[in-house]
Amino acid sequence: MEIAKTKRLYRRNRSPGDILFDTLNILFMIFLMVVTLYPFLNMLAVSLNDANDSILGGIYLMPRVFTWDNYHYVFQEATIFHATLISVLRTVVGTAITVFCSAMVAYTISRQEFVLRKFVSIAFILTMYFNGGLIPNYLLIRELGLLNSFWVYILPGIIGVFNLIVIRSFIEGLPESVLESARIDGAGEFTTFLRIVLPLTVPVLATVSLFTAVWQWNSWFDVFLYNSSSPELSTLQYELMKILQNSNASMSANTGTDAFLSGQAGANRVTPTSIRATMTIVASLPIIMVYPFAQKYFVKGMTLGGVKE
């Protein structure tokens, strides 16, 4: 009742300037929503539309000739489901290990009593601007014995420097009295980190987990560099990239137009444009489904974990 009464009083006492501001604000938010959603909805419509019909253009928000042929072509690859499993495993394991290790290092360099905190922080930050390059990185991975290994997806990026800085800034904002109380009760540093720091940093950890999961899910170049000779370690993104390359090659070799046959007798015609749209939906959908669960932590985590130095 009080909330409804407050709303009525606010509407009654609004000035013309307030009404104008609210109207413009609503119109701007609607425009922003349309601009944000339209590319994805257009890709969805193209992926569900007949490939030959899509060549004519005019597909905006709804498919004109509905079909599942594009998805059938993508998922008919025998390796696609195993590659999806590897991508899911890579995303889950990589995100968990990366966030946990980044949080441990962030807690360490956030402690004033750690003598080398500034030196270690600068050493990590320098890696954001300088690296050995592609060939030295490949030689390093080879010497570490990570070629044709699942762990090549995890270990090279086990510490994300940007994530490290965000988590460290968040931890530095925690009440020092809470950490001191844990030490007085006899908790060691690792116990304090596990039982005090981690539960209090859930918002920033959820935010960083989302960043890391998106990066792990979308990565394919490291598969090409280090595991291209191991099909059992191929990921969904890499397989989708190969499908798109095959579609472009088939288009050039068979027809010279935007349409080509998938190579099977009586197969439906698909195009690189329709395959590209289908791949975008397939690759984006899992992350879109996860995002709502992390959204409530996103603003708080980024605000409180903002860089202070």
C-alpha atoms as a PDB file:
ATOM      1  CA  MET A   1       0.000   0.000   0.000  1.00  0.00           C
ATOM      2  CA  GLU A   2       2.772   2.437   0.892  1.00  0.00           C
ATOM      3  CA  ILE A   3       4.594   1.741  -2.360  1.00  0.00           C
ATOM      4  CA  ALA A   4       1.442   2.326  -4.414  1.00  0.00           C
ATOM      5  CA  LYS A   5       0.763   5.546  -2.507  1.00  0.00           C
ATOM      6  CA  THR A   6       4.309   6.761  -3.115  1.00  0.00           C
ATOM      7  CA  LYS A   7       3.969   6.041  -6.843  1.00  0.00           C
ATOM      8  CA  ARG A   8       0.707   8.006  -7.037  1.00  0.00           C
ATOM      9  CA  LEU A   9       2.276  10.984  -5.245  1.00  0.00           C
ATOM     10  CA  TYR A  10       5.280  10.867  -7.577  1.00  0.00           C
ATOM     11  CA  ARG A  11       3.073  10.873 -10.705  1.00  0.00           C
ATOM     12  CA  ARG A  12       0.969  13.722  -9.331  1.00  0.00           C
ATOM     13  CA  ASN A  13       3.946  15.926  -8.451  1.00  0.00           C
ATOM     14  CA  ARG A  14       5.994  15.421 -11.606  1.00  0.00           C
ATOM     15  CA  SER A  15       7.022  18.567 -13.456  1.00  0.00           C
ATOM     16  CA  PRO A  16       6.962  18.855 -17.275  1.00  0.00           C
ATOM     17  CA  GLY A  17      10.731  18.415 -17.214  1.00  0.00           C
ATOM     18  CA  ASP A  18      10.375  15.120 -15.327  1.00  0.00           C
ATOM     19  CA  ILE A  19       7.790  13.880 -17.820  1.00  0.00           C
ATOM     20  CA  LEU A  20      10.018  14.841 -20.767  1.00  0.00           C
ATOM     21  CA  PHE A  21      13.028  13.142 -19.184  1.00  0.00           C
ATOM     22  CA  ASP A  22      11.099   9.923 -18.476  1.00  0.00           C
ATOM     23  CA  THR A  23       9.719   9.857 -22.022  1.00  0.00           C
ATOM     24  CA  LEU A  24      13.100  10.385 -23.649  1.00  0.00           C
ATOM     25  CA  ASN A  25      14.674   7.847 -21.304  1.00  0.00           C
ATOM     26  CA  ILE A  26      12.079   5.193 -22.213  1.00  0.00           C
ATOM     27  CA  LEU A  27      12.451   5.892 -25.942  1.00  0.00           C
ATOM     28  CA  PHE A  28      16.237   5.669 -25.694  1.00  0.00           C
ATOM     29  CA  MET A  29      16.064   2.354 -23.811  1.00  0.00           C
ATOM     30  CA  ILE A  30      13.654   0.933 -26.410  1.00  0.00           C
ATOM     31  CA  PHE A  31      15.998   2.046 -29.197  1.00  0.00           C
ATOM     32  CA  LEU A  32      18.977   0.518 -27.390  1.00  0.00           C
ATOM     33  CA  MET A  33      17.093  -2.751 -26.899  1.00  0.00           C
ATOM     34  CA  VAL A  34      16.150  -2.927 -30.587  1.00  0.00           C
ATOM     35  CA  VAL A  35      19.710  -2.174 -31.730  1.00  0.00           C
ATOM     36  CA  THR A  36      21.060  -4.834 -29.376  1.00  0.00           C
ATOM     37  CA  LEU A  37      18.570  -7.596 -30.149  1.00  0.00           C
ATOM     38  CA  TYR A  38      18.064  -7.085 -33.881  1.00  0.00           C
ATOM     39  CA  PRO A  39      21.373  -8.630 -35.129  1.00  0.00           C
ATOM     40  CA  PHE A  40      20.797 -11.785 -33.094  1.00  0.00           C
ATOM     41  CA  LEU A  41      17.133 -12.094 -34.111  1.00  0.00           C
ATOM     42  CA  ASN A  42      18.089 -11.519 -37.747  1.00  0.00           C
ATOM     43  CA  MET A  43      20.685 -14.304 -37.553  1.00  0.00           C
ATOM     44  CA  LEU A  44      18.060 -16.582 -35.996  1.00  0.00           C
ATOM     45  CA  ALA A  45      15.608 -15.811 -38.799  1.00  0.00           C
ATOM     46  CA  VAL A  46      18.224 -16.473 -41.510  1.00  0.00           C
ATOM     47  CA  SER A  47      19.267 -19.744 -39.863  1.00  0.00           C
ATOM     48  CA  LEU A  48      15.648 -20.946 -39.875  1.00  0.00           C
ATOM     49  CA  ASN A  49      14.964 -19.821 -43.433  1.00  0.00           C
ATOM     50  CA  ASP A  50      15.467 -21.777 -46.640  1.00  0.00           C
ATOM     51  CA  ALA A  51      19.000 -21.081 -47.890  1.00  0.00           C
ATOM     52  CA  ASN A  52      18.043 -20.404 -51.506  1.00  0.00           C
ATOM     53  CA  ASP A  53      15.255 -18.082 -50.422  1.00  0.00           C
ATOM     54  CA  SER A  54      17.661 -16.182 -48.140  1.00  0.00           C
ATOM     55  CA  ILE A  55      19.763 -15.269 -51.188  1.00  0.00           C
ATOM     56  CA  LEU A  56      16.903 -13.037 -52.331  1.00  0.00           C
ATOM     57  CA  GLY A  57      17.270 -10.930 -49.163  1.00  0.00           C
ATOM     58  CA  GLY A  58      14.478  -9.308 -47.233  1.00  0.00           C
ATOM     59  CA  ILE A  59      14.838 -11.550 -44.157  1.00  0.00           C
ATOM     60  CA  TYR A  60      14.584  -9.420 -41.042  1.00  0.00           C
ATOM     61  CA  LEU A  61      12.953 -10.791 -37.881  1.00  0.00           C
ATOM     62  CA  MET A  62      10.963 -13.782 -39.152  1.00  0.00           C
ATOM     63  CA  PRO A  63      11.908 -16.592 -41.561  1.00  0.00           C
ATOM     64  CA  ARG A  64      10.018 -16.431 -44.855  1.00  0.00           C
ATOM     65  CA  VAL A  65      10.369 -20.139 -45.748  1.00  0.00           C
ATOM     66  CA  PHE A  66      10.820 -22.033 -42.508  1.00  0.00           C
ATOM     67  CA  THR A  67      13.202 -25.019 -42.484  1.00  0.00           C
ATOM     68  CA  TRP A  68      15.536 -26.989 -40.200  1.00  0.00           C
ATOM     69  CA  ASP A  69      17.863 -27.892 -43.077  1.00  0.00           C
ATOM     70  CA  ASN A  70      20.650 -25.543 -41.995  1.00  0.00           C
ATOM     71  CA  TYR A  71      20.775 -27.066 -38.518  1.00  0.00           C
ATOM     72  CA  HIS A  72      20.565 -30.554 -39.984  1.00  0.00           C
ATOM     73  CA  TYR A  73      23.591 -29.821 -42.155  1.00  0.00           C
ATOM     74  CA  VAL A  74      25.626 -28.497 -39.197  1.00  0.00           C
ATOM     75  CA  PHE A  75      24.734 -31.335 -36.826  1.00  0.00           C
ATOM     76  CA  GLN A  76      25.145 -34.117 -39.401  1.00  0.00           C
ATOM     77  CA  GLU A  77      28.903 -33.995 -38.798  1.00  0.00           C
ATOM     78  CA  ALA A  78      29.865 -37.043 -36.757  1.00  0.00           C
ATOM     79  CA  THR A  79      32.381 -35.118 -34.639  1.00  0.00           C
ATOM     80  CA  ILE A  80      30.116 -32.239 -33.653  1.00  0.00           C
ATOM     81  CA  PHE A  81      28.666 -33.817 -30.509  1.00  0.00           C
ATOM     82  CA  HIS A  82      32.015 -35.027 -29.191  1.00  0.00           C
ATOM     83  CA  ALA A  83      33.452 -31.568 -29.914  1.00  0.00           C
ATOM     84  CA  THR A  84      30.571 -30.017 -27.963  1.00  0.00           C
ATOM     85  CA  LEU A  85      31.400 -32.249 -25.004  1.00  0.00           C
ATOM     86  CA  ILE A  86      35.056 -31.155 -25.143  1.00  0.00           C
ATOM     87  CA  SER A  87      33.971 -27.500 -25.303  1.00  0.00           C
ATOM     88  CA  VAL A  88      31.690 -27.907 -22.281  1.00  0.00           C
ATOM     89  CA  LEU A  89      34.413 -29.739 -20.359  1.00  0.00           C
ATOM     90  CA  ARG A  90      36.967 -27.130 -21.321  1.00  0.00           C
ATOM     91  CA  THR A  91      34.681 -24.284 -20.285  1.00  0.00           C
ATOM     92  CA  VAL A  92      33.720 -25.791 -16.921  1.00  0.00           C
ATOM     93  CA  VAL A  93      37.184 -27.019 -15.904  1.00  0.00           C
ATOM     94  CA  GLY A  94      39.022 -24.018 -17.337  1.00  0.00           C
ATOM     95  CA  THR A  95      36.708 -21.503 -15.707  1.00  0.00           C
ATOM     96  CA  ALA A  96      36.833 -23.196 -12.292  1.00  0.00           C
ATOM     97  CA  ILE A  97      40.619 -23.527 -12.217  1.00  0.00           C
ATOM     98  CA  THR A  98      41.326 -20.100 -13.693  1.00  0.00           C
ATOM     99  CA  VAL A  99      38.986 -18.239 -11.340  1.00  0.00           C
ATOM    100  CA  PHE A 100      40.193 -20.140  -8.259  1.00  0.00           C
ATOM    101  CA  CYS A 101      43.897 -19.618  -9.050  1.00  0.00           C
ATOM    102  CA  SER A 102      43.356 -15.964 -10.001  1.00  0.00           C
ATOM    103  CA  ALA A 103      41.498 -15.413  -6.720  1.00  0.00           C
ATOM    104  CA  MET A 104      44.337 -17.021  -4.721  1.00  0.00           C
ATOM    105  CA  VAL A 105      46.966 -14.804  -6.355  1.00  0.00           C
ATOM    106  CA  ALA A 106      44.719 -11.750  -5.995  1.00  0.00           C
ATOM    107  CA  TYR A 107      44.310 -12.430  -2.266  1.00  0.00           C
ATOM    108  CA  THR A 108      48.085 -12.827  -1.889  1.00  0.00           C
ATOM    109  CA  ILE A 109      49.018  -9.531  -3.565  1.00  0.00           C
ATOM    110  CA  SER A 110      46.209  -7.695  -1.770  1.00  0.00           C
ATOM    111  CA  ARG A 111      47.876  -8.333   1.625  1.00  0.00           C
ATOM    112  CA  GLN A 112      49.881  -5.365   2.892  1.00  0.00           C
ATOM    113  CA  GLU A 113      52.212  -7.712   4.779  1.00  0.00           C
ATOM    114  CA  PHE A 114      53.323  -9.411   1.532  1.00  0.00           C
ATOM    115  CA  VAL A 115      56.679  -7.746   0.887  1.00  0.00           C
ATOM    116  CA  LEU A 116      56.820  -8.413  -2.863  1.00  0.00           C
ATOM    117  CA  ARG A 117      53.225  -7.407  -3.600  1.00  0.00           C
ATOM    118  CA  LYS A 118      54.149  -4.412  -5.807  1.00  0.00           C
ATOM    119  CA  PHE A 119      56.852  -6.296  -7.691  1.00  0.00           C
ATOM    120  CA  VAL A 120      54.539  -9.241  -8.370  1.00  0.00           C
ATOM    121  CA  SER A 121      51.685  -6.920  -9.414  1.00  0.00           C
ATOM    122  CA  ILE A 122      53.924  -5.069 -11.889  1.00  0.00           C
ATOM    123  CA  ALA A 123      55.268  -8.372 -13.240  1.00  0.00           C
ATOM    124  CA  PHE A 124      51.725  -9.561 -13.969  1.00  0.00           C
ATOM    125  CA  ILE A 125      50.659  -6.231 -15.493  1.00  0.00           C
ATOM    126  CA  LEU A 126      53.644  -6.225 -17.857  1.00  0.00           C
ATOM    127  CA  THR A 127      52.384  -9.462 -19.402  1.00  0.00           C
ATOM    128  CA  MET A 128      49.306  -7.568 -20.592  1.00  0.00           C
ATOM    129  CA  TYR A 129      51.496  -5.398 -22.849  1.00  0.00           C
ATOM    130  CA  PHE A 130      54.418  -7.650 -23.790  1.00  0.00           C
ATOM    131  CA  ASN A 131      54.603 -11.269 -24.914  1.00  0.00           C
ATOM    132  CA  GLY A 132      57.049 -13.449 -26.777  1.00  0.00           C
ATOM    133  CA  GLY A 133      54.909 -13.811 -29.898  1.00  0.00           C
ATOM    134  CA  LEU A 134      53.324 -16.767 -31.634  1.00  0.00           C
ATOM    135  CA  ILE A 135      56.421 -18.843 -32.399  1.00  0.00           C
ATOM    136  CA  PRO A 136      58.041 -18.537 -28.933  1.00  0.00           C
ATOM    137  CA  ASN A 137      54.707 -19.422 -27.360  1.00  0.00           C
ATOM    138  CA  TYR A 138      54.429 -22.503 -29.569  1.00  0.00           C
ATOM    139  CA  LEU A 139      57.975 -23.570 -28.700  1.00  0.00           C
ATOM    140  CA  LEU A 140      57.231 -23.094 -25.007  1.00  0.00           C
ATOM    141  CA  ILE A 141      54.067 -25.201 -25.230  1.00  0.00           C
ATOM    142  CA  ARG A 142      56.016 -27.908 -27.068  1.00  0.00           C
ATOM    143  CA  GLU A 143      58.819 -27.963 -24.491  1.00  0.00           C
ATOM    144  CA  LEU A 144      56.262 -28.196 -21.685  1.00  0.00           C
ATOM    145  CA  GLY A 145      54.818 -31.294 -23.336  1.00  0.00           C
ATOM    146  CA  LEU A 146      51.355 -29.767 -23.756  1.00  0.00           C
ATOM    147  CA  LEU A 147      50.971 -30.401 -27.493  1.00  0.00           C
ATOM    148  CA  ASN A 148      48.051 -32.716 -28.298  1.00  0.00           C
ATOM    149  CA  SER A 149      46.876 -32.447 -24.699  1.00  0.00           C
ATOM    150  CA  PHE A 150      43.640 -31.246 -23.117  1.00  0.00           C
ATOM    151  CA  TRP A 151      45.618 -29.206 -20.574  1.00  0.00           C
ATOM    152  CA  VAL A 152      46.901 -26.880 -23.267  1.00  0.00           C
ATOM    153  CA  TYR A 153      43.441 -25.287 -23.060  1.00  0.00           C
ATOM    154  CA  ILE A 154      43.777 -24.693 -19.313  1.00  0.00           C
ATOM    155  CA  LEU A 155      47.344 -24.122 -18.122  1.00  0.00           C
ATOM    156  CA  PRO A 156      48.598 -21.311 -20.439  1.00  0.00           C
ATOM    157  CA  GLY A 157      45.756 -19.020 -19.335  1.00  0.00           C
ATOM    158  CA  ILE A 158      45.451 -20.191 -15.752  1.00  0.00           C
ATOM    159  CA  ILE A 159      46.000 -16.631 -14.466  1.00  0.00           C
ATOM    160  CA  GLY A 160      44.036 -13.885 -16.192  1.00  0.00           C
ATOM    161  CA  VAL A 161      45.726 -10.569 -15.395  1.00  0.00           C
ATOM    162  CA  PHE A 162      42.632  -8.429 -15.950  1.00  0.00           C
ATOM    163  CA  ASN A 163      40.594 -10.784 -13.778  1.00  0.00           C
ATOM    164  CA  LEU A 164      43.388 -10.744 -11.208  1.00  0.00           C
ATOM    165  CA  ILE A 165      43.285  -6.942 -10.940  1.00  0.00           C
ATOM    166  CA  VAL A 166      39.492  -6.866 -10.640  1.00  0.00           C
ATOM    167  CA  ILE A 167      39.440  -9.528  -7.908  1.00  0.00           C
ATOM    168  CA  ARG A 168      42.314  -7.892  -6.032  1.00  0.00           C
ATOM    169  CA  SER A 169      40.529  -4.530  -6.000  1.00  0.00           C
ATOM    170  CA  PHE A 170      37.382  -6.218  -4.666  1.00  0.00           C
ATOM    171  CA  ILE A 171      39.310  -8.004  -1.895  1.00  0.00           C
ATOM    172  CA  GLU A 172      41.033  -4.768  -0.888  1.00  0.00           C
ATOM    173  CA  GLY A 173      37.583  -3.305  -0.267  1.00  0.00           C
ATOM    174  CA  LEU A 174      36.634  -6.016   2.237  1.00  0.00           C
ATOM    175  CA  PRO A 175      36.591  -5.014   5.935  1.00  0.00           C
ATOM    176  CA  GLU A 176      39.994  -5.773   7.397  1.00  0.00           C
ATOM    177  CA  SER A 177      38.371  -6.471  10.769  1.00  0.00           C
ATOM    178  CA  VAL A 178      36.714  -9.591   9.342  1.00  0.00           C
ATOM    179  CA  LEU A 179      40.046 -11.026   8.248  1.00  0.00           C
ATOM    180  CA  GLU A 180      41.672 -10.079  11.546  1.00  0.00           C
ATOM    181  CA  SER A 181      38.894 -11.844  13.465  1.00  0.00           C
ATOM    182  CA  ALA A 182      39.563 -15.024  11.502  1.00  0.00           C
ATOM    183  CA  ARG A 183      43.253 -14.864  12.333  1.00  0.00           C
ATOM    184  CA  ILE A 184      42.527 -14.284  16.017  1.00  0.00           C
ATOM    185  CA  ASP A 185      40.376 -17.420  15.965  1.00  0.00           C
ATOM    186  CA  GLY A 186      43.394 -19.348  14.719  1.00  0.00           C
ATOM    187  CA  ALA A 187      42.647 -19.518  10.992  1.00  0.00           C
ATOM    188  CA  GLY A 188      45.629 -19.684   8.681  1.00  0.00           C
ATOM    189  CA  GLU A 189      45.890 -17.772   5.406  1.00  0.00           C
ATOM    190  CA  PHE A 190      44.504 -20.605   3.280  1.00  0.00           C
ATOM    191  CA  THR A 191      41.611 -21.199   5.703  1.00  0.00           C
ATOM    192  CA  THR A 192      40.877 -17.467   5.734  1.00  0.00           C
ATOM    193  CA  PHE A 193      40.901 -17.448   1.944  1.00  0.00           C
ATOM    194  CA  LEU A 194      38.572 -20.440   1.621  1.00  0.00           C
ATOM    195  CA  ARG A 195      36.100 -19.702   4.412  1.00  0.00           C
ATOM    196  CA  ILE A 196      36.087 -15.906   4.586  1.00  0.00           C
ATOM    197  CA  VAL A 197      37.371 -14.340   1.371  1.00  0.00           C
ATOM    198  CA  LEU A 198      35.758 -16.639  -1.213  1.00  0.00           C
ATOM    199  CA  PRO A 199      32.196 -16.383   0.195  1.00  0.00           C
ATOM    200  CA  LEU A 200      32.504 -12.588   0.404  1.00  0.00           C
ATOM    201  CA  THR A 201      33.769 -12.264  -3.167  1.00  0.00           C
ATOM    202  CA  VAL A 202      30.976 -14.227  -4.864  1.00  0.00           C
ATOM    203  CA  PRO A 203      29.764 -11.197  -6.920  1.00  0.00           C
ATOM    204  CA  VAL A 204      33.156 -10.480  -8.477  1.00  0.00           C
ATOM    205  CA  LEU A 205      33.933 -14.189  -8.888  1.00  0.00           C
ATOM    206  CA  ALA A 206      30.648 -14.671 -10.756  1.00  0.00           C
ATOM    207  CA  THR A 207      31.492 -11.739 -13.012  1.00  0.00           C
ATOM    208  CA  VAL A 208      34.999 -13.002 -13.714  1.00  0.00           C
ATOM    209  CA  SER A 209      33.643 -16.526 -14.246  1.00  0.00           C
ATOM    210  CA  LEU A 210      31.345 -15.202 -16.963  1.00  0.00           C
ATOM    211  CA  PHE A 211      34.248 -13.461 -18.729  1.00  0.00           C
ATOM    212  CA  THR A 212      36.406 -16.577 -18.500  1.00  0.00           C
ATOM    213  CA  ALA A 213      33.632 -18.939 -19.612  1.00  0.00           C
ATOM    214  CA  VAL A 214      32.897 -16.839 -22.705  1.00  0.00           C
ATOM    215  CA  TRP A 215      36.590 -16.789 -23.597  1.00  0.00           C
ATOM    216  CA  GLN A 216      36.973 -20.551 -23.108  1.00  0.00           C
ATOM    217  CA  TRP A 217      33.796 -21.332 -25.048  1.00  0.00           C
ATOM    218  CA  ASN A 218      34.689 -19.147 -28.034  1.00  0.00           C
ATOM    219  CA  SER A 219      38.374 -20.130 -28.334  1.00  0.00           C
ATOM    220  CA  TRP A 220      39.372 -22.141 -31.390  1.00  0.00           C
ATOM    221  CA  PHE A 221      42.768 -20.799 -32.474  1.00  0.00           C
ATOM    222  CA  ASP A 222      44.629 -22.713 -29.745  1.00  0.00           C
ATOM    223  CA  VAL A 223      42.957 -25.900 -31.025  1.00  0.00           C
ATOM    224  CA  PHE A 224      44.261 -25.100 -34.499  1.00  0.00           C
ATOM    225  CA  LEU A 225      47.782 -24.424 -33.211  1.00  0.00           C
ATOM    226  CA  TYR A 226      48.290 -27.174 -30.662  1.00  0.00           C
ATOM    227  CA  ASN A 227      45.690 -29.934 -31.172  1.00  0.00           C
ATOM    228  CA  SER A 228      44.811 -29.937 -34.868  1.00  0.00           C
ATOM    229  CA  SER A 229      46.302 -33.425 -35.223  1.00  0.00           C
ATOM    230  CA  SER A 230      44.160 -34.765 -32.348  1.00  0.00           C
ATOM    231  CA  PRO A 231      40.524 -34.938 -33.522  1.00  0.00           C
ATOM    232  CA  GLU A 232      39.421 -36.311 -30.157  1.00  0.00           C
ATOM    233  CA  LEU A 233      40.419 -32.972 -28.557  1.00  0.00           C
ATOM    234  CA  SER A 234      38.673 -30.780 -31.120  1.00  0.00           C
ATOM    235  CA  THR A 235      36.169 -28.225 -29.789  1.00  0.00           C
ATOM    236  CA  LEU A 236      32.807 -27.066 -31.085  1.00  0.00           C
ATOM    237  CA  GLN A 237      34.125 -23.724 -32.298  1.00  0.00           C
ATOM    238  CA  TYR A 238      36.918 -25.388 -34.263  1.00  0.00           C
ATOM    239  CA  GLU A 239      34.503 -27.845 -35.872  1.00  0.00           C
ATOM    240  CA  LEU A 240      32.137 -25.029 -36.805  1.00  0.00           C
ATOM    241  CA  MET A 241      35.039 -23.146 -38.329  1.00  0.00           C
ATOM    242  CA  LYS A 242      35.911 -26.184 -40.457  1.00  0.00           C
ATOM    243  CA  ILE A 243      32.288 -26.553 -41.558  1.00  0.00           C
ATOM    244  CA  LEU A 244      32.261 -22.931 -42.692  1.00  0.00           C
ATOM    245  CA  GLN A 245      35.532 -23.397 -44.577  1.00  0.00           C
ATOM    246  CA  ASN A 246      34.156 -26.509 -46.278  1.00  0.00           C
ATOM    247  CA  SER A 247      30.997 -24.635 -47.243  1.00  0.00           C
ATOM    248  CA  ASN A 248      32.997 -21.812 -48.822  1.00  0.00           C
ATOM    249  CA  ALA A 249      35.226 -24.302 -50.666  1.00  0.00           C
ATOM    250  CA  SER A 250      32.212 -26.251 -51.945  1.00  0.00           C
ATOM    251  CA  MET A 251      30.540 -23.078 -53.123  1.00  0.00           C
ATOM    252  CA  SER A 252      33.601 -22.062 -55.138  1.00  0.00           C
ATOM    253  CA  ALA A 253      34.222 -25.529 -56.578  1.00  0.00           C
ATOM    254  CA  ASN A 254      30.669 -26.582 -57.432  1.00  0.00           C
ATOM    255  CA  THR A 255      28.560 -23.608 -58.428  1.00  0.00           C
ATOM    256  CA  GLY A 256      30.393 -20.311 -58.278  1.00  0.00           C
ATOM    257  CA  THR A 257      27.274 -18.832 -56.697  1.00  0.00           C
ATOM    258  CA  ASP A 258      26.090 -18.558 -53.127  1.00  0.00           C
ATOM    259  CA  ALA A 259      24.480 -22.009 -53.160  1.00  0.00           C
ATOM    260  CA  PHE A 260      25.985 -25.489 -53.171  1.00  0.00           C
ATOM    261  CA  LEU A 261      25.071 -29.102 -52.475  1.00  0.00           C
ATOM    262  CA  SER A 262      26.172 -30.744 -49.250  1.00  0.00           C
ATOM    263  CA  GLY A 263      27.555 -33.693 -51.204  1.00  0.00           C
ATOM    264  CA  GLN A 264      24.845 -36.276 -50.466  1.00  0.00           C
ATOM    265  CA  ALA A 265      22.309 -37.558 -52.975  1.00  0.00           C
ATOM    266  CA  GLY A 266      19.088 -35.631 -52.686  1.00  0.00           C
ATOM    267  CA  ALA A 267      20.526 -33.321 -50.058  1.00  0.00           C
ATOM    268  CA  ASN A 268      18.976 -29.921 -49.457  1.00  0.00           C
ATOM    269  CA  ARG A 269      20.846 -26.899 -50.651  1.00  0.00           C
ATOM    270  CA  VAL A 270      22.581 -24.662 -48.117  1.00  0.00           C
ATOM    271  CA  THR A 271      24.731 -21.558 -48.449  1.00  0.00           C
ATOM    272  CA  PRO A 272      27.701 -20.131 -46.565  1.00  0.00           C
ATOM    273  CA  THR A 273      25.448 -17.291 -45.406  1.00  0.00           C
ATOM    274  CA  SER A 274      22.882 -19.656 -43.907  1.00  0.00           C
ATOM    275  CA  ILE A 275      25.617 -21.828 -42.364  1.00  0.00           C
ATOM    276  CA  ARG A 276      27.281 -18.745 -40.859  1.00  0.00           C
ATOM    277  CA  ALA A 277      23.998 -17.658 -39.289  1.00  0.00           C
ATOM    278  CA  THR A 278      23.341 -21.161 -37.967  1.00  0.00           C
ATOM    279  CA  MET A 279      26.835 -21.362 -36.478  1.00  0.00           C
ATOM    280  CA  THR A 280      26.321 -18.018 -34.734  1.00  0.00           C
ATOM    281  CA  ILE A 281      23.161 -19.287 -33.041  1.00  0.00           C
ATOM    282  CA  VAL A 282      24.685 -22.648 -32.093  1.00  0.00           C
ATOM    283  CA  ALA A 283      27.786 -21.011 -30.609  1.00  0.00           C
ATOM    284  CA  SER A 284      25.931 -18.220 -28.791  1.00  0.00           C
ATOM    285  CA  LEU A 285      22.964 -20.073 -27.313  1.00  0.00           C
ATOM    286  CA  PRO A 286      24.774 -21.838 -24.401  1.00  0.00           C
ATOM    287  CA  ILE A 287      26.335 -18.580 -23.160  1.00  0.00           C
ATOM    288  CA  ILE A 288      23.016 -16.750 -23.526  1.00  0.00           C
ATOM    289  CA  MET A 289      21.363 -19.434 -21.383  1.00  0.00           C
ATOM    290  CA  VAL A 290      24.031 -19.081 -18.667  1.00  0.00           C
ATOM    291  CA  TYR A 291      24.117 -15.284 -18.586  1.00  0.00           C
ATOM    292  CA  PRO A 292      20.778 -14.678 -16.751  1.00  0.00           C
ATOM    293  CA  PHE A 293      22.013 -16.690 -13.776  1.00  0.00           C
ATOM    294  CA  ALA A 294      25.151 -14.533 -13.464  1.00  0.00           C
ATOM    295  CA  GLN A 295      23.517 -11.218 -14.342  1.00  0.00           C
ATOM    296  CA  LYS A 296      22.497 -10.361 -10.767  1.00  0.00           C
ATOM    297  CA  TYR A 297      26.164 -10.437  -9.745  1.00  0.00           C
ATOM    298  CA  PHE A 298      27.459  -8.657 -12.822  1.00  0.00           C
ATOM    299  CA  VAL A 299      26.865  -4.979 -11.955  1.00  0.00           C
ATOM    300  CA  LYS A 300      27.812  -5.387  -8.302  1.00  0.00           C
ATOM    301  CA  GLY A 301      30.942  -7.343  -9.141  1.00  0.00           C
ATOM    302  CA  MET A 302      32.183  -4.849 -11.722  1.00  0.00           C
ATOM    303  CA  THR A 303      31.291  -1.813  -9.594  1.00  0.00           C
ATOM    304  CA  LEU A 304      32.892  -2.991  -6.364  1.00  0.00           C
ATOM    305  CA  GLY A 305      35.749  -4.663  -8.202  1.00  0.00           C
ATOM    306  CA  GLY A 306      36.624  -1.631 -10.301  1.00  0.00           C
ATOM    307  CA  VAL A 307      40.277  -0.755 -10.664  1.00  0.00           C
ATOM    308  CA  LYS A 308      41.247   1.751  -7.961  1.00  0.00           C
ATOM    309  CA  GLU A 309      44.888   2.331  -8.798  1.00  0.00           C
END
